């Protein structure tokens, strides 16, 4: 099933979505912290592999989602969320997050700039209230992500994207692409 992005509300109405592993359905539709869910699932700390973190002008489409002016100063952070098993690193999720700098409190901005912890862990440790909306799901190829998993470029991945509110303010736009490993984990 190759599809465009679709709102989570229509995700449930797809005729063949029942073939998706229940655990993956939970991750795709969850409003909670993906880092906390991964930690609970694998019973270990989830590590971050920082691919890049740059100051950027926020592009038009993302600025619309974040309700900021196009070109506003932002931070784009690209990471892998990983787990360790028997000395081997397993990539679980590829995530790209865009933050408008104007919406970040100084302590959160500083923690992000260190690039040492997953966003979910930073938010949890700071006891920051979060909410996700405009959640959309897709099943598409992501060639650069496939390369990171050492898979063919035309591999299809389940992914979600959403806005993240922190303490009542739209603070980030997040894309998460899930490892094919999630399709084989059964409840």
Protein backbone atom coordinates (compact mmCIF):
# COMPACT_ATOMS: atom_id res chain seq x y z
CA UNK A 1 0.00 0.00 0.00
CA UNK A 2 1.77 3.14 -1.18
CA UNK A 3 -0.02 6.26 -0.02
CA UNK A 4 0.36 9.95 0.57
CA UNK A 5 0.32 11.48 4.03
CA UNK A 6 -3.08 11.10 5.64
CA UNK A 7 -4.56 12.33 8.91
CA UNK A 8 -4.55 9.85 11.76
CA UNK A 9 -8.36 9.94 11.79
CA UNK A 10 -8.42 8.30 8.34
CA UNK A 11 -5.57 5.93 9.19
CA UNK A 12 -8.10 3.68 10.93
CA UNK A 13 -10.40 3.53 7.90
CA UNK A 14 -7.86 2.00 5.49
CA UNK A 15 -9.00 -1.41 4.30
CA UNK A 16 -5.65 -3.18 4.74
CA UNK A 17 -4.29 -1.37 7.81
CA UNK A 18 -5.17 -4.39 9.95
CA UNK A 19 -2.04 -6.09 8.54
CA UNK A 20 0.13 -3.58 10.42
CA UNK A 21 1.63 -5.06 13.57
CA UNK A 22 -0.36 -3.85 16.62
CA UNK A 23 2.73 -2.39 18.27
CA UNK A 24 3.55 -0.35 15.18
CA UNK A 25 -0.06 0.94 15.06
CA UNK A 26 0.36 2.09 18.66
CA UNK A 27 3.61 3.91 17.90
CA UNK A 28 2.15 5.57 14.79
CA UNK A 29 -0.93 6.85 16.60
CA UNK A 30 0.43 7.57 20.08
CA UNK A 31 0.23 11.03 21.59
CA UNK A 32 2.88 10.13 24.16
CA UNK A 33 6.66 10.30 24.17
CA UNK A 34 8.17 7.91 21.62
CA UNK A 35 11.37 7.81 23.70
CA UNK A 36 9.46 6.71 26.80
CA UNK A 37 7.62 4.06 24.77
CA UNK A 38 10.89 2.75 23.31
CA UNK A 39 12.47 2.67 26.76
CA UNK A 40 9.49 0.68 28.08
CA UNK A 41 9.51 -1.69 25.11
CA UNK A 42 13.22 -2.50 25.18
CA UNK A 43 13.80 -1.94 28.93
CA UNK A 44 16.85 0.20 28.30
CA UNK A 45 17.94 3.77 27.78
CA UNK A 46 17.47 5.01 24.24
CA UNK A 47 20.55 6.68 22.80
CA UNK A 48 20.72 9.52 20.33
CA UNK A 49 22.93 9.53 17.25
CA UNK A 50 23.05 13.15 16.13
CA UNK A 51 23.24 13.30 12.34
CA UNK A 52 23.17 17.07 12.17
CA UNK A 53 21.81 20.12 13.91
CA UNK A 54 21.82 23.41 12.07
CA UNK A 55 20.37 26.88 12.32
CA UNK A 56 18.10 27.32 9.31
CA UNK A 57 15.51 29.67 7.91
CA UNK A 58 12.23 27.78 8.34
CA UNK A 59 10.84 26.81 4.93
CA UNK A 60 7.35 27.87 3.85
CA UNK A 61 5.49 24.57 4.28
CA UNK A 62 6.89 23.96 7.77
CA UNK A 63 6.40 27.61 8.75
CA UNK A 64 2.70 27.21 7.90
CA UNK A 65 2.45 24.16 10.15
CA UNK A 66 4.27 25.99 12.95
CA UNK A 67 2.31 29.20 12.36
CA UNK A 68 5.45 31.32 12.02
CA UNK A 69 6.72 33.63 9.28
CA UNK A 70 8.52 31.83 6.43
CA UNK A 71 12.26 32.27 6.78
CA UNK A 72 12.09 32.72 10.55
CA UNK A 73 15.24 31.56 12.35
CA UNK A 74 14.97 27.92 13.31
CA UNK A 75 16.91 24.86 14.33
CA UNK A 76 16.66 21.64 12.33
CA UNK A 77 17.79 18.57 14.23
CA UNK A 78 18.22 15.18 12.56
CA UNK A 79 18.82 12.13 14.75
CA UNK A 80 18.64 8.38 14.95
CA UNK A 81 17.11 6.90 18.10
CA UNK A 82 19.05 3.73 18.89
CA UNK A 83 19.15 0.84 21.29
CA UNK A 84 22.09 -1.40 22.14
CA UNK A 85 22.01 -5.19 22.17
CA UNK A 86 25.04 -7.41 22.73
CA UNK A 87 27.38 -4.57 21.86
CA UNK A 88 25.58 -3.80 18.61
CA UNK A 89 23.67 -0.58 17.86
CA UNK A 90 20.16 -0.98 16.44
CA UNK A 91 18.63 2.03 14.74
CA UNK A 92 14.95 2.32 15.64
CA UNK A 93 13.69 5.69 14.44
CA UNK A 94 14.99 8.39 12.15
CA UNK A 95 13.67 11.79 13.26
CA UNK A 96 13.86 15.29 11.84
CA UNK A 97 12.61 18.15 14.00
CA UNK A 98 12.25 21.82 13.10
CA UNK A 99 12.07 24.31 15.97
CA UNK A 100 11.41 28.05 15.64
CA UNK A 101 14.06 29.59 17.92
CA UNK A 102 11.58 32.27 19.02
CA UNK A 103 9.40 29.61 20.64
CA UNK A 104 12.09 27.89 22.70
CA UNK A 105 12.85 28.77 26.30
CA UNK A 106 16.61 29.29 26.92
CA UNK A 107 17.08 26.10 28.98
CA UNK A 108 15.37 23.95 26.32
CA UNK A 109 17.39 25.61 23.56
CA UNK A 110 20.61 24.96 25.48
CA UNK A 111 19.73 21.28 26.08
CA UNK A 112 18.94 20.82 22.38
CA UNK A 113 22.17 22.50 21.30
CA UNK A 114 24.21 20.06 23.39
CA UNK A 115 22.91 17.29 21.10
CA UNK A 116 23.37 14.62 23.76
CA UNK A 117 19.81 13.53 24.58
CA UNK A 118 16.65 12.64 22.68
CA UNK A 119 14.02 15.39 22.66
CA UNK A 120 11.57 13.20 24.60
CA UNK A 121 14.10 12.73 27.38
CA UNK A 122 14.82 16.47 27.53
CA UNK A 123 11.10 17.25 27.77
CA UNK A 124 10.52 14.59 30.42
CA UNK A 125 13.48 15.69 32.55
CA UNK A 126 12.31 19.31 32.31
CA UNK A 127 8.78 18.22 33.29
CA UNK A 128 7.43 20.11 30.29
CA UNK A 129 3.82 19.61 29.30
CA UNK A 130 3.47 18.39 25.71
CA UNK A 131 0.71 17.73 23.23
CA UNK A 132 0.80 16.54 19.62
CA UNK A 133 -1.66 17.56 16.92
CA UNK A 134 -2.03 17.49 13.14
CA UNK A 135 -0.75 13.89 13.26
CA UNK A 136 -0.38 12.34 9.81
CA UNK A 137 0.79 8.85 8.81
CA UNK A 138 2.25 7.44 5.59
CA UNK A 139 3.89 4.37 4.05
CA UNK A 140 6.46 5.67 1.56
CA UNK A 141 10.06 5.22 0.45
CA UNK A 142 12.61 7.43 2.20
CA UNK A 143 15.82 6.71 0.23
CA UNK A 144 18.24 8.42 2.62
CA UNK A 145 16.66 6.62 5.58
CA UNK A 146 16.85 3.30 3.72
CA UNK A 147 20.57 3.92 3.24
CA UNK A 148 20.93 4.47 7.01
CA UNK A 149 19.29 1.07 7.60
CA UNK A 150 21.46 -0.54 4.85
CA UNK A 151 18.31 -1.33 2.85
CA UNK A 152 17.42 -0.78 -0.83
CA UNK A 153 16.46 2.83 -1.62
CA UNK A 154 12.94 1.81 -2.68
CA UNK A 155 12.15 0.24 0.73
CA UNK A 156 8.82 1.46 2.09
CA UNK A 157 8.71 2.81 5.64
CA UNK A 158 5.93 3.71 8.02
CA UNK A 159 6.30 7.28 9.18
CA UNK A 160 4.40 9.95 11.05
CA UNK A 161 4.64 13.72 11.29
CA UNK A 162 3.03 16.15 13.68
CA UNK A 163 3.21 19.45 15.50
CA UNK A 164 4.49 19.40 19.05
CA UNK A 165 3.13 21.84 21.59
CA UNK A 166 5.34 22.51 24.63
CA UNK A 167 3.71 24.26 27.59
CA UNK A 168 0.82 25.45 25.40
CA UNK A 169 2.94 26.81 22.52
CA UNK A 170 3.46 25.27 19.06
CA UNK A 171 7.18 24.57 19.37
CA UNK A 172 8.21 21.96 16.80
CA UNK A 173 7.32 20.07 13.65
CA UNK A 174 8.50 16.46 13.80
CA UNK A 175 8.94 13.67 11.25
CA UNK A 176 9.60 10.15 12.56
CA UNK A 177 10.42 7.23 10.25
CA UNK A 178 10.18 3.80 11.87
CA UNK A 179 12.56 0.89 11.40
CA UNK A 180 11.10 -2.12 9.56
CA UNK A 181 11.90 -3.95 12.83
CA UNK A 182 8.63 -2.52 14.21
CA UNK A 183 6.65 -4.46 11.60
CA UNK A 184 8.00 -7.75 12.93
CA UNK A 185 7.47 -7.09 16.65
CA UNK A 186 4.17 -8.69 17.63
CA UNK A 187 2.31 -8.16 20.86
